[in-house]
Structure formats: structure tokens, C-alpha cells
Amino acid sequence: MDTLPDILKLHILVSLPQTYIYLLFVFSFLQRQPKRLYAQLAVFTFAHAIYTDLLMLFLPSYLHLINSHCAACVVFYSV
């Protein structure tokens, strides 16, 4: 039962803020920022972090890397 609190700590304290800040830094270089940038980044961050963190326990590391990049592309273009 100790794994669930550890997973939640990793997800809430590391994955979500790291993904949000990384994307906000990347989008800060745009001349004209898209409408609702912060809301779209929040939705993207939440969806991508949950998807990749849940599969971290089940996929081998090389498949997890490929899967997370493919999922980022799909979620990014759908938001």
C-alpha cells in the first residue's frame, strides 16, 4: 500500500508542475500567444501526465519512452 502514496506524490509534486513549466517556457518564445494558452496547457499537462504515469508501471522503459512521445503528439494536436 505504500506505492499509491508514492505514485501520487510523484504525479502531483513532480510530473504536473514539470510538464506545465516546460511547456510554458517553450510557448513563451512565440510572438503571438494563442488564446486560452494557460487553460490549454493545464488540460494538456493533466492528460499527458496521467496517461504516461499510469503506464509507467506496466510498460518496459523503451516502450514507455516511445509511447509517451506519441501520446504527447496526439494530445498536443487535439487540445
C-alpha atoms as a PDB file:
ATOM      1  CA  MET A   1       0.000   0.000   0.000  1.00  0.00           C
ATOM      2  CA  ASP A   2       2.985   2.316   0.128  1.00  0.00           C
ATOM      3  CA  THR A   3       3.188   2.545  -3.632  1.00  0.00           C
ATOM      4  CA  LEU A   4      -0.042   4.512  -4.074  1.00  0.00           C
ATOM      5  CA  PRO A   5       1.074   7.486  -1.922  1.00  0.00           C
ATOM      6  CA  ASP A   6       4.455   7.432  -3.643  1.00  0.00           C
ATOM      7  CA  ILE A   7       2.815   7.461  -7.068  1.00  0.00           C
ATOM      8  CA  LEU A   8       0.532  10.335  -6.049  1.00  0.00           C
ATOM      9  CA  LYS A   9       3.473  12.305  -4.682  1.00  0.00           C
ATOM     10  CA  LEU A  10       5.401  11.743  -7.896  1.00  0.00           C
ATOM     11  CA  HIS A  11       2.445  12.731 -10.012  1.00  0.00           C
ATOM     12  CA  ILE A  12       1.320  15.805  -8.076  1.00  0.00           C
ATOM     13  CA  LEU A  13       4.658  17.187  -6.954  1.00  0.00           C
ATOM     14  CA  VAL A  14       6.854  16.330  -9.940  1.00  0.00           C
ATOM     15  CA  SER A  15       5.100  15.411 -13.178  1.00  0.00           C
ATOM     16  CA  LEU A  16       2.372  18.031 -13.341  1.00  0.00           C
ATOM     17  CA  PRO A  17       4.462  21.102 -12.449  1.00  0.00           C
ATOM     18  CA  GLN A  18       7.411  19.935 -14.537  1.00  0.00           C
ATOM     19  CA  THR A  19       5.316  19.426 -17.662  1.00  0.00           C
ATOM     20  CA  TYR A  20       3.417  22.701 -17.184  1.00  0.00           C
ATOM     21  CA  ILE A  21       6.535  24.810 -16.648  1.00  0.00           C
ATOM     22  CA  TYR A  22       8.366  23.150 -19.534  1.00  0.00           C
ATOM     23  CA  LEU A  23       5.513  23.844 -21.955  1.00  0.00           C
ATOM     24  CA  LEU A  24       5.010  27.378 -20.678  1.00  0.00           C
ATOM     25  CA  PHE A  25       8.722  28.064 -21.256  1.00  0.00           C
ATOM     26  CA  VAL A  26       8.523  26.708 -24.792  1.00  0.00           C
ATOM     27  CA  PHE A  27       5.399  28.702 -25.659  1.00  0.00           C
ATOM     28  CA  SER A  28       6.865  31.900 -24.189  1.00  0.00           C
ATOM     29  CA  PHE A  29       9.059  32.220 -27.288  1.00  0.00           C
ATOM     30  CA  LEU A  30       6.049  32.679 -29.573  1.00  0.00           C
ATOM     31  CA  GLN A  31       5.449  36.198 -30.782  1.00  0.00           C
ATOM     32  CA  ARG A  32       1.682  35.927 -30.538  1.00  0.00           C
ATOM     33  CA  GLN A  33       0.469  33.560 -27.883  1.00  0.00           C
ATOM     34  CA  PRO A  34      -2.638  31.515 -28.636  1.00  0.00           C
ATOM     35  CA  LYS A  35      -5.939  32.300 -26.985  1.00  0.00           C
ATOM     36  CA  ARG A  36      -6.566  30.443 -23.726  1.00  0.00           C
ATOM     37  CA  LEU A  37      -2.928  29.325 -23.586  1.00  0.00           C
ATOM     38  CA  TYR A  38      -2.891  28.688 -19.839  1.00  0.00           C
ATOM     39  CA  ALA A  39      -6.103  26.656 -19.898  1.00  0.00           C
ATOM     40  CA  GLN A  40      -4.950  24.563 -22.844  1.00  0.00           C
ATOM     41  CA  LEU A  41      -1.591  23.931 -21.199  1.00  0.00           C
ATOM     42  CA  ALA A  42      -3.317  22.853 -17.984  1.00  0.00           C
ATOM     43  CA  VAL A  43      -5.536  20.377 -19.846  1.00  0.00           C
ATOM     44  CA  PHE A  44      -2.585  19.070 -21.843  1.00  0.00           C
ATOM     45  CA  THR A  45      -0.423  18.739 -18.743  1.00  0.00           C
ATOM     46  CA  PHE A  46      -3.073  16.865 -16.792  1.00  0.00           C
ATOM     47  CA  ALA A  47      -3.962  14.477 -19.622  1.00  0.00           C
ATOM     48  CA  HIS A  48      -0.374  13.721 -20.612  1.00  0.00           C
ATOM     49  CA  ALA A  49       0.912  13.281 -17.057  1.00  0.00           C
ATOM     50  CA  ILE A  50      -1.880  10.922 -16.050  1.00  0.00           C
ATOM     51  CA  TYR A  51      -1.508   8.860 -19.208  1.00  0.00           C
ATOM     52  CA  THR A  52       2.252   8.486 -19.005  1.00  0.00           C
ATOM     53  CA  ASP A  53       2.406   7.973 -15.225  1.00  0.00           C
ATOM     54  CA  LEU A  54      -0.213   5.241 -15.278  1.00  0.00           C
ATOM     55  CA  LEU A  55       1.618   3.289 -17.956  1.00  0.00           C
ATOM     56  CA  MET A  56       4.984   3.681 -16.206  1.00  0.00           C
ATOM     57  CA  LEU A  57       4.174   0.673 -14.043  1.00  0.00           C
ATOM     58  CA  PHE A  58       3.240  -1.640 -16.905  1.00  0.00           C
ATOM     59  CA  LEU A  59       5.436  -0.837 -19.906  1.00  0.00           C
ATOM     60  CA  PRO A  60       9.154  -1.537 -20.275  1.00  0.00           C
ATOM     61  CA  SER A  61      11.286   1.599 -20.349  1.00  0.00           C
ATOM     62  CA  TYR A  62      11.990   1.607 -24.093  1.00  0.00           C
ATOM     63  CA  LEU A  63       8.279   1.246 -24.922  1.00  0.00           C
ATOM     64  CA  HIS A  64       7.376   3.838 -22.313  1.00  0.00           C
ATOM     65  CA  LEU A  65       9.653   6.377 -23.994  1.00  0.00           C
ATOM     66  CA  ILE A  66       8.119   5.780 -27.427  1.00  0.00           C
ATOM     67  CA  ASN A  67       4.589   5.726 -26.022  1.00  0.00           C
ATOM     68  CA  SER A  68       4.985   8.968 -24.076  1.00  0.00           C
ATOM     69  CA  HIS A  69       6.283  10.851 -27.124  1.00  0.00           C
ATOM     70  CA  CYS A  70       3.477   9.536 -29.333  1.00  0.00           C
ATOM     71  CA  ALA A  71       0.906  10.405 -26.674  1.00  0.00           C
ATOM     72  CA  ALA A  72       2.329  13.920 -26.332  1.00  0.00           C
ATOM     73  CA  CYS A  73       1.927  14.480 -30.074  1.00  0.00           C
ATOM     74  CA  VAL A  74      -1.642  13.178 -30.083  1.00  0.00           C
ATOM     75  CA  VAL A  75      -2.738  15.146 -27.021  1.00  0.00           C
ATOM     76  CA  PHE A  76      -0.938  18.306 -28.175  1.00  0.00           C
ATOM     77  CA  TYR A  77      -2.688  18.402 -31.534  1.00  0.00           C
ATOM     78  CA  SER A  78      -6.077  17.540 -30.076  1.00  0.00           C
ATOM     79  CA  VAL A  79      -6.136  20.321 -27.455  1.00  0.00           C
END
